[in-house]
C-alpha cells in the first residue's frame, strides 16, 4: 500500500467507496503515524518489550513518559533491538543541564541510550518525556540508526532540569522485529510510565 495522489473533483462528481479506500483510508493509514502498540505500567517493571513488530512501515517512532525507581536523582532509559545485549550499541549525546551544556560519545555498549529520566530521589510525580525516530527499521542491508530527544525535571531548584539529544547506532543489518526499553543502570521503570510505538511511511 503506497500513497496515492488525490485527484481534483468536479461539482456533482460521485464520491465512491473505491475513492474513499484509495485516496483517504489508504493514504491516511500510511501518511500519518499510526500506533502499533502501547504500554502503561500499573506496577514497577524491569523492561518494556514490543515484539513481532510488522515490517509494514518505512520508519518507527517511540513516544514515552518515564520514571526510574533507583535511589538516585536521575537515570538513563535505553533500547535493545531483537534482544541483542552484546557490545553492539554506540551513541553520541548533547545536553543542556540547567545552564551548562555538555556532550560526549559512548561506544560498544549493551544497549543504546535514549534519554535521561527522573529516578527515585527526584521530586515526586515527575516523569521524563521522550521522542525517538528509528530509520529504515525493516531493512536488512545496513546498520540501524535512531535519533532521540528528551526532557526531564529532577528537582524544584537550580540545576534541576535537563534536555538531552541522542543519536544512536546498532551494529547490525538485521531487520528490527523486537524493541526492549530498559534502564541503563539499576532500578526498574516506574509505575505510571507509558510508551507508544508508531509506524510511519511506506
N, C-alpha and C. Protein backbone atom coordinates (compact mmCIF):
# COMPACT_ATOMS: atom_id res chain seq x y z
N UNK A 1 0.84 -1.18 0.00
CA UNK A 1 0.00 0.00 0.00
C UNK A 1 0.88 1.24 0.00
N UNK A 2 0.75 2.08 -1.02
CA UNK A 2 1.55 3.29 -1.13
C UNK A 2 0.65 4.51 -1.17
N UNK A 3 1.26 5.68 -0.97
CA UNK A 3 0.49 6.91 -1.03
C UNK A 3 0.04 7.17 -2.46
N UNK A 4 -1.20 7.56 -2.63
CA UNK A 4 -1.79 7.86 -3.93
C UNK A 4 -2.20 9.33 -3.98
N UNK A 5 -1.77 10.04 -5.01
CA UNK A 5 -2.13 11.45 -5.13
C UNK A 5 -3.64 11.58 -5.29
N UNK A 6 -4.24 12.46 -4.51
CA UNK A 6 -5.69 12.64 -4.55
C UNK A 6 -6.06 13.50 -5.76
N UNK A 7 -6.97 13.03 -6.61
CA UNK A 7 -7.32 13.80 -7.81
C UNK A 7 -8.26 14.96 -7.48
N UNK A 8 -8.31 15.94 -8.37
CA UNK A 8 -9.30 17.01 -8.24
C UNK A 8 -10.70 16.44 -8.47
N UNK A 9 -11.67 17.06 -7.83
CA UNK A 9 -13.06 16.65 -8.00
C UNK A 9 -13.86 17.79 -8.62
N UNK A 10 -14.78 17.42 -9.48
CA UNK A 10 -15.66 18.41 -10.11
C UNK A 10 -17.01 18.41 -9.41
N UNK A 11 -17.74 19.51 -9.56
CA UNK A 11 -19.07 19.61 -8.98
C UNK A 11 -19.94 18.46 -9.46
N UNK A 12 -20.68 17.85 -8.51
CA UNK A 12 -21.61 16.74 -8.77
C UNK A 12 -20.93 15.41 -9.07
N UNK A 13 -19.59 15.34 -8.96
CA UNK A 13 -18.94 14.04 -9.07
C UNK A 13 -19.40 13.14 -7.92
N UNK A 14 -19.58 11.87 -8.21
CA UNK A 14 -19.96 10.91 -7.18
C UNK A 14 -18.71 10.42 -6.45
N UNK A 15 -18.76 10.48 -5.13
CA UNK A 15 -17.63 10.01 -4.32
C UNK A 15 -17.88 8.55 -3.98
N UNK A 16 -17.12 7.66 -4.56
CA UNK A 16 -17.36 6.22 -4.44
C UNK A 16 -16.60 5.60 -3.27
N UNK A 17 -16.98 4.37 -2.95
CA UNK A 17 -16.26 3.64 -1.91
C UNK A 17 -14.81 3.39 -2.33
N UNK A 18 -14.60 3.10 -3.60
CA UNK A 18 -13.24 2.88 -4.08
C UNK A 18 -12.38 4.12 -3.92
N UNK A 19 -12.97 5.30 -4.18
CA UNK A 19 -12.22 6.55 -3.98
C UNK A 19 -11.88 6.74 -2.51
N UNK A 20 -12.84 6.44 -1.63
CA UNK A 20 -12.58 6.53 -0.19
C UNK A 20 -11.42 5.63 0.21
N UNK A 21 -11.47 4.37 -0.25
CA UNK A 21 -10.43 3.41 0.13
C UNK A 21 -9.06 3.85 -0.36
N UNK A 22 -8.97 4.30 -1.61
CA UNK A 22 -7.68 4.62 -2.21
C UNK A 22 -7.14 5.97 -1.75
N UNK A 23 -7.98 6.99 -1.77
CA UNK A 23 -7.49 8.35 -1.59
C UNK A 23 -7.60 8.87 -0.16
N UNK A 24 -8.36 8.22 0.68
CA UNK A 24 -8.47 8.68 2.06
C UNK A 24 -8.00 7.60 3.03
N UNK A 25 -8.68 6.44 3.04
CA UNK A 25 -8.33 5.41 4.02
C UNK A 25 -6.89 4.94 3.86
N UNK A 26 -6.50 4.51 2.66
CA UNK A 26 -5.15 4.00 2.46
C UNK A 26 -4.11 5.08 2.66
N UNK A 27 -4.37 6.29 2.17
CA UNK A 27 -3.43 7.38 2.36
C UNK A 27 -3.27 7.72 3.84
N UNK A 28 -4.38 7.77 4.55
CA UNK A 28 -4.31 8.08 5.98
C UNK A 28 -3.52 7.01 6.73
N UNK A 29 -3.72 5.77 6.36
CA UNK A 29 -3.04 4.67 7.05
C UNK A 29 -1.53 4.71 6.88
N UNK A 30 -1.04 5.33 5.78
CA UNK A 30 0.40 5.35 5.53
C UNK A 30 1.04 6.71 5.72
N UNK A 31 0.27 7.78 5.59
CA UNK A 31 0.86 9.12 5.57
C UNK A 31 0.95 9.76 6.95
N UNK A 32 0.37 9.17 7.98
CA UNK A 32 0.45 9.73 9.33
C UNK A 32 0.95 8.62 10.27
N UNK A 33 1.56 8.99 11.39
CA UNK A 33 1.97 7.95 12.34
C UNK A 33 0.76 7.17 12.86
N UNK A 34 0.90 5.86 12.88
CA UNK A 34 -0.18 5.01 13.40
C UNK A 34 0.33 4.18 14.56
N UNK A 35 -0.41 4.13 15.66
CA UNK A 35 0.02 3.32 16.80
C UNK A 35 0.09 1.84 16.44
N UNK A 36 1.21 1.22 16.77
CA UNK A 36 1.37 -0.23 16.61
C UNK A 36 1.06 -0.93 17.93
N UNK A 37 1.58 -0.37 19.03
CA UNK A 37 1.35 -0.94 20.35
C UNK A 37 1.61 0.13 21.40
N UNK A 38 0.97 -0.03 22.56
CA UNK A 38 1.14 0.94 23.64
C UNK A 38 1.12 0.21 24.97
N UNK A 39 1.94 0.67 25.91
CA UNK A 39 2.02 0.05 27.23
C UNK A 39 1.95 1.11 28.32
N UNK A 40 1.09 0.90 29.30
CA UNK A 40 1.04 1.72 30.51
C UNK A 40 1.36 0.83 31.70
N UNK A 41 2.30 1.25 32.53
CA UNK A 41 2.72 0.41 33.65
C UNK A 41 1.91 0.72 34.90
N UNK A 42 1.21 -0.29 35.40
CA UNK A 42 0.49 -0.17 36.67
C UNK A 42 1.40 -0.51 37.85
N UNK A 43 2.50 -1.21 37.58
CA UNK A 43 3.47 -1.57 38.62
C UNK A 43 4.87 -1.35 38.07
N UNK A 44 5.86 -1.22 38.95
CA UNK A 44 7.25 -1.09 38.53
C UNK A 44 7.66 -2.33 37.73
N UNK A 45 8.40 -2.12 36.63
CA UNK A 45 8.70 -3.21 35.71
C UNK A 45 10.14 -3.09 35.21
N UNK A 46 10.82 -4.22 35.06
CA UNK A 46 12.22 -4.21 34.65
C UNK A 46 12.42 -3.70 33.24
N UNK A 47 11.49 -4.03 32.33
CA UNK A 47 11.63 -3.62 30.94
C UNK A 47 10.27 -3.64 30.26
N UNK A 48 10.20 -2.95 29.13
CA UNK A 48 9.02 -2.97 28.28
C UNK A 48 9.45 -3.54 26.93
N UNK A 49 8.72 -4.53 26.43
CA UNK A 49 9.09 -5.20 25.19
C UNK A 49 7.96 -5.08 24.17
N UNK A 50 8.32 -4.60 22.98
CA UNK A 50 7.43 -4.66 21.82
C UNK A 50 7.97 -5.75 20.90
N UNK A 51 7.20 -6.80 20.69
CA UNK A 51 7.67 -7.92 19.87
C UNK A 51 6.80 -8.10 18.64
N UNK A 52 7.26 -8.94 17.73
CA UNK A 52 6.55 -9.23 16.48
C UNK A 52 6.16 -7.94 15.76
N UNK A 53 7.10 -6.98 15.68
CA UNK A 53 6.82 -5.71 15.02
C UNK A 53 6.68 -5.97 13.52
N UNK A 54 5.56 -5.58 12.92
CA UNK A 54 5.39 -5.83 11.48
C UNK A 54 6.34 -4.98 10.65
N UNK A 55 6.65 -5.47 9.46
CA UNK A 55 7.59 -4.77 8.56
C UNK A 55 6.87 -3.87 7.58
N UNK A 56 5.68 -3.38 7.94
CA UNK A 56 4.82 -2.64 7.02
C UNK A 56 5.26 -1.20 6.78
N UNK A 57 6.12 -0.67 7.61
CA UNK A 57 6.38 0.77 7.63
C UNK A 57 7.78 1.09 7.14
N UNK A 58 8.01 2.37 6.84
CA UNK A 58 9.36 2.82 6.49
C UNK A 58 10.20 3.06 7.73
N UNK A 59 9.57 3.65 8.77
CA UNK A 59 10.29 4.05 9.98
C UNK A 59 9.42 3.78 11.20
N UNK A 60 10.05 3.81 12.36
CA UNK A 60 9.34 3.68 13.63
C UNK A 60 9.53 4.92 14.47
N UNK A 61 8.57 5.17 15.33
CA UNK A 61 8.63 6.29 16.28
C UNK A 61 8.24 5.77 17.65
N UNK A 62 8.98 6.18 18.67
CA UNK A 62 8.65 5.85 20.06
C UNK A 62 8.33 7.15 20.80
N UNK A 63 7.18 7.21 21.43
CA UNK A 63 6.81 8.33 22.29
C UNK A 63 6.66 7.79 23.70
N UNK A 64 7.37 8.37 24.66
CA UNK A 64 7.34 7.81 26.00
C UNK A 64 7.33 8.84 27.12
N UNK A 65 6.95 8.35 28.30
CA UNK A 65 6.82 9.14 29.53
C UNK A 65 7.32 8.24 30.64
N UNK A 66 8.52 8.54 31.21
CA UNK A 66 9.21 7.56 32.03
C UNK A 66 9.71 8.13 33.35
N UNK A 67 9.80 7.22 34.33
CA UNK A 67 10.49 7.48 35.59
C UNK A 67 11.16 6.18 36.01
N UNK A 68 12.27 6.29 36.75
CA UNK A 68 13.02 5.13 37.23
C UNK A 68 12.88 5.03 38.74
N UNK A 69 13.00 3.81 39.28
CA UNK A 69 12.81 3.60 40.72
C UNK A 69 14.09 3.64 41.53
N UNK A 70 15.25 3.68 40.89
CA UNK A 70 16.53 3.61 41.61
C UNK A 70 16.68 4.80 42.57
N UNK A 71 17.38 4.59 43.67
CA UNK A 71 17.56 5.62 44.70
C UNK A 71 18.63 6.62 44.29
N UNK A 72 18.44 7.24 43.15
CA UNK A 72 19.30 8.31 42.65
C UNK A 72 18.39 9.43 42.14
N UNK A 73 18.98 10.53 41.69
CA UNK A 73 18.17 11.65 41.19
C UNK A 73 17.73 11.41 39.77
N UNK A 74 18.60 10.81 38.95
CA UNK A 74 18.26 10.56 37.56
C UNK A 74 18.91 9.27 37.08
N UNK A 75 18.39 8.77 35.98
CA UNK A 75 18.91 7.56 35.37
C UNK A 75 18.72 7.69 33.86
N UNK A 76 19.23 6.74 33.11
CA UNK A 76 19.03 6.73 31.66
C UNK A 76 18.08 5.61 31.27
N UNK A 77 17.26 5.89 30.26
CA UNK A 77 16.42 4.86 29.66
C UNK A 77 17.06 4.47 28.34
N UNK A 78 17.09 3.17 28.05
CA UNK A 78 17.85 2.67 26.90
C UNK A 78 17.01 1.73 26.05
N UNK A 79 17.60 1.30 24.93
CA UNK A 79 16.90 0.43 24.00
C UNK A 79 17.81 -0.71 23.56
N UNK A 80 17.20 -1.87 23.35
CA UNK A 80 17.86 -3.00 22.69
C UNK A 80 16.97 -3.47 21.55
N UNK A 81 17.60 -3.93 20.50
CA UNK A 81 16.89 -4.42 19.33
C UNK A 81 17.05 -5.94 19.22
N UNK A 82 15.94 -6.61 18.97
CA UNK A 82 15.94 -8.07 18.74
C UNK A 82 16.59 -8.85 19.88
N UNK A 83 16.53 -8.30 21.10
CA UNK A 83 17.09 -8.99 22.25
C UNK A 83 18.60 -9.00 22.31
N UNK A 84 19.28 -8.22 21.47
CA UNK A 84 20.74 -8.21 21.41
C UNK A 84 21.31 -7.43 22.59
N UNK A 85 22.00 -8.12 23.50
CA UNK A 85 22.64 -7.48 24.65
C UNK A 85 24.16 -7.49 24.54
N UNK A 86 24.67 -7.74 23.32
CA UNK A 86 26.11 -7.67 23.10
C UNK A 86 26.60 -6.24 23.04
N UNK A 87 27.91 -6.06 22.94
CA UNK A 87 28.52 -4.73 22.92
C UNK A 87 28.41 -4.12 21.52
N UNK A 88 27.18 -3.90 21.08
CA UNK A 88 26.92 -3.53 19.70
C UNK A 88 26.20 -2.19 19.53
N UNK A 89 26.20 -1.36 20.57
CA UNK A 89 25.48 -0.09 20.52
C UNK A 89 26.43 1.08 20.76
N UNK A 90 26.34 2.07 19.89
CA UNK A 90 27.14 3.29 20.02
C UNK A 90 26.19 4.48 20.03
N UNK A 91 26.55 5.53 20.79
CA UNK A 91 25.72 6.73 20.73
C UNK A 91 26.52 7.99 21.03
N UNK A 92 26.01 9.08 20.52
CA UNK A 92 26.54 10.42 20.75
C UNK A 92 25.45 11.21 21.48
N UNK A 93 25.84 12.04 22.44
CA UNK A 93 24.82 12.78 23.18
C UNK A 93 25.23 14.25 23.36
N UNK A 94 24.23 15.09 23.43
CA UNK A 94 24.38 16.52 23.67
C UNK A 94 23.28 16.94 24.62
N UNK A 95 23.61 17.74 25.63
CA UNK A 95 22.59 18.10 26.59
C UNK A 95 22.78 19.51 27.15
N UNK A 96 21.68 20.03 27.66
CA UNK A 96 21.70 21.22 28.50
C UNK A 96 21.19 20.83 29.87
N UNK A 97 22.03 21.00 30.89
CA UNK A 97 21.66 20.67 32.26
C UNK A 97 21.69 21.96 33.05
N UNK A 98 20.51 22.48 33.43
CA UNK A 98 20.41 23.83 33.97
C UNK A 98 20.94 24.79 32.91
N UNK A 99 22.01 25.53 33.21
CA UNK A 99 22.58 26.45 32.22
C UNK A 99 23.88 25.91 31.63
N UNK A 100 24.22 24.65 31.91
CA UNK A 100 25.51 24.09 31.49
C UNK A 100 25.33 23.11 30.34
N UNK A 101 25.99 23.35 29.20
CA UNK A 101 25.94 22.39 28.09
C UNK A 101 26.94 21.26 28.31
N UNK A 102 26.74 20.16 27.62
CA UNK A 102 27.67 19.05 27.70
C UNK A 102 27.43 18.10 26.54
N UNK A 103 28.32 17.12 26.41
CA UNK A 103 28.16 16.15 25.34
C UNK A 103 29.23 15.09 25.43
N UNK A 104 29.08 14.06 24.61
CA UNK A 104 30.08 13.01 24.62
C UNK A 104 29.73 11.89 23.67
N UNK A 105 30.61 10.89 23.62
CA UNK A 105 30.47 9.74 22.74
C UNK A 105 30.65 8.48 23.57
N UNK A 106 29.79 7.47 23.33
CA UNK A 106 29.86 6.20 24.04
C UNK A 106 29.85 5.08 23.00
N UNK A 107 30.77 4.11 23.13
CA UNK A 107 30.93 3.06 22.13
C UNK A 107 30.83 1.67 22.75
N UNK A 108 30.34 0.72 21.96
CA UNK A 108 30.39 -0.69 22.33
C UNK A 108 29.65 -1.04 23.60
N UNK A 109 28.40 -0.56 23.74
CA UNK A 109 27.61 -0.83 24.94
C UNK A 109 26.58 -1.93 24.68
N UNK A 110 25.96 -2.41 25.77
CA UNK A 110 24.99 -3.50 25.67
C UNK A 110 23.57 -3.00 25.39
N UNK A 111 23.41 -1.68 25.32
CA UNK A 111 22.13 -1.06 24.97
C UNK A 111 22.43 0.35 24.49
N UNK A 112 21.48 0.94 23.77
CA UNK A 112 21.66 2.30 23.27
C UNK A 112 20.85 3.29 24.09
N UNK A 113 21.48 4.36 24.51
CA UNK A 113 20.77 5.34 25.34
C UNK A 113 19.73 6.11 24.53
N UNK A 114 18.56 6.32 25.15
CA UNK A 114 17.50 7.13 24.56
C UNK A 114 17.31 8.46 25.28
N UNK A 115 17.43 8.47 26.63
CA UNK A 115 17.03 9.67 27.37
C UNK A 115 17.55 9.64 28.79
N UNK A 116 17.59 10.83 29.40
CA UNK A 116 17.70 10.95 30.86
C UNK A 116 16.28 11.02 31.42
N UNK A 117 16.05 10.36 32.55
CA UNK A 117 14.73 10.40 33.18
C UNK A 117 14.88 10.57 34.69
N UNK A 118 13.87 11.10 35.37
CA UNK A 118 13.93 11.19 36.83
C UNK A 118 13.98 9.80 37.45
N UNK A 119 14.66 9.70 38.59
CA UNK A 119 14.72 8.43 39.33
C UNK A 119 14.10 8.61 40.71
N UNK A 120 14.29 7.62 41.57
CA UNK A 120 13.56 7.56 42.83
C UNK A 120 13.75 8.74 43.76
N UNK A 121 14.92 9.39 43.72
CA UNK A 121 15.18 10.53 44.60
C UNK A 121 14.82 11.87 43.97
N UNK A 122 14.30 11.86 42.75
CA UNK A 122 13.85 13.10 42.13
C UNK A 122 12.56 13.55 42.81
N UNK A 123 12.21 14.82 42.58
CA UNK A 123 10.97 15.34 43.16
C UNK A 123 9.80 14.45 42.75
N UNK A 124 8.87 14.24 43.67
CA UNK A 124 7.77 13.30 43.45
C UNK A 124 6.95 13.68 42.23
N UNK A 125 6.43 12.66 41.56
CA UNK A 125 5.46 12.81 40.46
C UNK A 125 6.05 13.47 39.22
N UNK A 126 7.36 13.46 39.07
CA UNK A 126 7.97 13.97 37.84
C UNK A 126 8.38 12.80 36.95
N UNK A 127 8.13 12.95 35.65
CA UNK A 127 8.47 11.95 34.65
C UNK A 127 9.18 12.65 33.49
N UNK A 128 9.98 11.92 32.76
CA UNK A 128 10.66 12.47 31.60
C UNK A 128 9.91 12.13 30.32
N UNK A 129 9.94 13.06 29.35
CA UNK A 129 9.29 12.86 28.05
C UNK A 129 10.33 12.50 27.00
N UNK A 130 9.96 11.62 26.08
CA UNK A 130 10.89 11.06 25.11
C UNK A 130 10.23 10.97 23.74
N UNK A 131 11.02 11.31 22.70
CA UNK A 131 10.58 11.16 21.31
C UNK A 131 11.75 10.59 20.53
N UNK A 132 11.56 9.42 19.92
CA UNK A 132 12.64 8.73 19.20
C UNK A 132 12.18 8.31 17.81
N UNK A 133 13.04 8.54 16.80
CA UNK A 133 12.82 8.05 15.44
C UNK A 133 13.85 6.97 15.14
N UNK A 134 13.38 5.84 14.58
CA UNK A 134 14.25 4.75 14.15
C UNK A 134 14.08 4.61 12.64
N UNK A 135 15.15 4.85 11.89
CA UNK A 135 15.06 4.87 10.44
C UNK A 135 15.20 3.50 9.80
N UNK A 136 14.40 3.25 8.76
CA UNK A 136 14.50 2.06 7.92
C UNK A 136 14.68 0.78 8.75
N UNK A 137 13.83 0.63 9.75
CA UNK A 137 13.97 -0.46 10.72
C UNK A 137 13.81 -1.85 10.10
N UNK A 138 13.04 -1.94 9.00
CA UNK A 138 12.77 -3.24 8.40
C UNK A 138 13.78 -3.63 7.32
N UNK A 139 14.74 -2.75 7.02
CA UNK A 139 15.76 -3.08 6.04
C UNK A 139 16.71 -4.14 6.54
N UNK A 140 17.37 -4.82 5.62
CA UNK A 140 18.29 -5.89 6.02
C UNK A 140 19.66 -5.74 5.36
N UNK A 141 19.98 -4.53 4.89
CA UNK A 141 21.26 -4.33 4.20
C UNK A 141 22.21 -3.40 4.94
N UNK A 142 21.71 -2.67 5.96
CA UNK A 142 22.54 -1.67 6.62
C UNK A 142 22.31 -1.66 8.14
N UNK A 143 23.29 -1.13 8.86
CA UNK A 143 23.15 -0.94 10.30
C UNK A 143 21.98 0.01 10.58
N UNK A 144 21.39 -0.12 11.78
CA UNK A 144 20.24 0.70 12.15
C UNK A 144 20.68 1.91 12.98
N UNK A 145 19.96 3.02 12.79
CA UNK A 145 20.26 4.26 13.49
C UNK A 145 18.98 4.86 14.06
N UNK A 146 19.12 5.63 15.13
CA UNK A 146 17.98 6.33 15.70
C UNK A 146 18.41 7.72 16.17
N UNK A 147 17.44 8.61 16.27
CA UNK A 147 17.64 9.95 16.83
C UNK A 147 16.60 10.14 17.91
N UNK A 148 17.04 10.64 19.08
CA UNK A 148 16.14 10.74 20.23
C UNK A 148 16.28 12.10 20.90
N UNK A 149 15.17 12.62 21.37
CA UNK A 149 15.17 13.88 22.11
C UNK A 149 14.34 13.69 23.38
N UNK A 150 14.82 14.26 24.49
CA UNK A 150 14.12 14.05 25.76
C UNK A 150 14.30 15.25 26.68
N UNK A 151 13.41 15.34 27.64
CA UNK A 151 13.49 16.38 28.66
C UNK A 151 12.96 15.85 29.97
N UNK A 152 13.53 16.32 31.08
CA UNK A 152 13.11 15.84 32.39
C UNK A 152 13.41 16.88 33.46
N UNK A 153 12.64 16.81 34.55
CA UNK A 153 12.90 17.64 35.73
C UNK A 153 13.16 16.72 36.91
N UNK A 154 14.18 17.07 37.71
CA UNK A 154 14.59 16.24 38.83
C UNK A 154 14.32 16.89 40.19
N UNK A 155 14.32 18.21 40.22
CA UNK A 155 14.07 18.93 41.47
C UNK A 155 13.54 20.32 41.16
N UNK A 156 12.88 20.92 42.17
CA UNK A 156 12.32 22.26 42.01
C UNK A 156 13.33 23.31 42.46
N UNK A 157 14.50 23.26 41.86
CA UNK A 157 15.58 24.17 42.23
C UNK A 157 16.52 24.31 41.05
N UNK A 158 17.52 25.18 41.21
CA UNK A 158 18.50 25.37 40.15
C UNK A 158 19.18 24.05 39.81
N UNK A 159 19.54 23.91 38.55
CA UNK A 159 20.18 22.68 38.04
C UNK A 159 19.28 21.46 38.19
N UNK A 160 17.98 21.68 38.19
CA UNK A 160 17.05 20.58 38.39
C UNK A 160 16.35 20.11 37.14
N UNK A 161 16.75 20.63 35.96
CA UNK A 161 16.11 20.24 34.71
C UNK A 161 17.19 19.88 33.67
N UNK A 162 16.79 19.06 32.71
CA UNK A 162 17.74 18.69 31.65
C UNK A 162 17.00 18.44 30.35
N UNK A 163 17.65 18.83 29.26
CA UNK A 163 17.24 18.45 27.92
C UNK A 163 18.40 17.66 27.32
N UNK A 164 18.10 16.58 26.59
CA UNK A 164 19.16 15.73 26.05
C UNK A 164 18.77 15.26 24.65
N UNK A 165 19.75 15.24 23.77
CA UNK A 165 19.57 14.72 22.42
C UNK A 165 20.59 13.63 22.17
N UNK A 166 20.12 12.52 21.60
CA UNK A 166 20.98 11.38 21.31
C UNK A 166 20.85 10.97 19.86
N UNK A 167 21.96 10.54 19.27
CA UNK A 167 21.88 9.75 18.04
C UNK A 167 22.58 8.43 18.35
N UNK A 168 21.93 7.34 17.99
CA UNK A 168 22.47 6.04 18.34
C UNK A 168 22.51 5.10 17.15
N UNK A 169 23.32 4.04 17.30
CA UNK A 169 23.55 3.12 16.19
C UNK A 169 23.67 1.69 16.72
N UNK A 170 23.04 0.78 16.01
CA UNK A 170 23.12 -0.65 16.31
C UNK A 170 23.95 -1.31 15.24
N UNK A 171 24.99 -2.02 15.65
CA UNK A 171 25.91 -2.64 14.70
C UNK A 171 25.34 -3.94 14.13
N UNK A 172 24.21 -3.81 13.46
CA UNK A 172 23.58 -4.98 12.86
C UNK A 172 22.79 -4.55 11.64
N UNK A 173 22.79 -5.42 10.62
CA UNK A 173 21.98 -5.21 9.43
C UNK A 173 20.60 -5.86 9.54
N UNK A 174 20.32 -6.55 10.64
CA UNK A 174 19.07 -7.29 10.77
C UNK A 174 17.88 -6.34 10.83
N UNK A 175 16.78 -6.77 10.24
CA UNK A 175 15.53 -6.04 10.39
C UNK A 175 15.10 -6.07 11.85
N UNK A 176 14.60 -4.95 12.35
CA UNK A 176 14.18 -4.87 13.75
C UNK A 176 12.77 -5.45 13.88
N UNK A 177 12.64 -6.50 14.66
CA UNK A 177 11.35 -7.12 14.92
C UNK A 177 10.95 -7.05 16.39
N UNK A 178 11.90 -6.63 17.24
CA UNK A 178 11.61 -6.52 18.67
C UNK A 178 12.37 -5.33 19.25
N UNK A 179 11.71 -4.57 20.10
CA UNK A 179 12.32 -3.44 20.80
C UNK A 179 12.12 -3.63 22.29
N UNK A 180 13.22 -3.57 23.04
CA UNK A 180 13.17 -3.65 24.50
C UNK A 180 13.63 -2.31 25.07
N UNK A 181 12.84 -1.74 25.96
CA UNK A 181 13.17 -0.48 26.63
C UNK A 181 13.45 -0.80 28.09
N UNK A 182 14.59 -0.32 28.60
CA UNK A 182 15.03 -0.69 29.93
C UNK A 182 15.94 0.38 30.50
N UNK A 183 16.10 0.43 31.83
CA UNK A 183 17.06 1.36 32.43
C UNK A 183 18.49 0.96 32.09
N UNK A 184 19.38 1.95 31.96
CA UNK A 184 20.78 1.65 31.72
C UNK A 184 21.43 1.08 32.97
N UNK A 185 21.09 1.64 34.11
CA UNK A 185 21.69 1.23 35.37
C UNK A 185 20.66 0.50 36.24
N UNK A 186 20.78 0.63 37.55
CA UNK A 186 19.91 -0.10 38.47
C UNK A 186 18.48 0.44 38.44
N UNK A 187 17.59 -0.30 39.10
CA UNK A 187 16.21 0.13 39.22
C UNK A 187 15.32 -0.40 38.12
N UNK A 188 14.04 -0.13 38.26
CA UNK A 188 13.03 -0.53 37.29
C UNK A 188 12.40 0.71 36.66
N UNK A 189 11.63 0.48 35.61
CA UNK A 189 10.80 1.55 35.06
C UNK A 189 9.59 1.68 35.97
N UNK A 190 9.32 2.90 36.43
CA UNK A 190 8.34 3.11 37.49
C UNK A 190 6.91 3.01 37.00
N UNK A 191 6.03 2.58 37.90
CA UNK A 191 4.60 2.60 37.62
C UNK A 191 4.18 4.02 37.23
N UNK A 192 3.26 4.12 36.28
CA UNK A 192 2.84 5.41 35.75
C UNK A 192 3.53 5.77 34.45
N UNK A 193 4.59 5.03 34.11
CA UNK A 193 5.28 5.26 32.84
C UNK A 193 4.41 4.74 31.69
N UNK A 194 4.51 5.39 30.55
CA UNK A 194 3.73 4.99 29.39
C UNK A 194 4.56 5.17 28.13
N UNK A 195 4.44 4.23 27.19
CA UNK A 195 5.20 4.31 25.93
C UNK A 195 4.33 3.76 24.80
N UNK A 196 4.41 4.42 23.65
CA UNK A 196 3.67 4.01 22.47
C UNK A 196 4.63 3.88 21.30
N UNK A 197 4.49 2.82 20.53
CA UNK A 197 5.28 2.58 19.33
C UNK A 197 4.40 2.88 18.12
N UNK A 198 4.93 3.71 17.18
CA UNK A 198 4.21 4.10 15.99
C UNK A 198 4.96 3.64 14.74
N UNK A 199 4.22 3.41 13.66
CA UNK A 199 4.80 3.20 12.35
C UNK A 199 4.48 4.38 11.46
N UNK A 200 5.39 4.68 10.52
CA UNK A 200 5.19 5.82 9.62
C UNK A 200 5.78 5.52 8.26
N UNK A 201 5.08 5.92 7.20
CA UNK A 201 5.61 5.83 5.84
C UNK A 201 5.51 4.45 5.25
N UNK A 202 6.00 4.33 4.02
CA UNK A 202 5.93 3.04 3.34
C UNK A 202 7.17 2.83 2.50
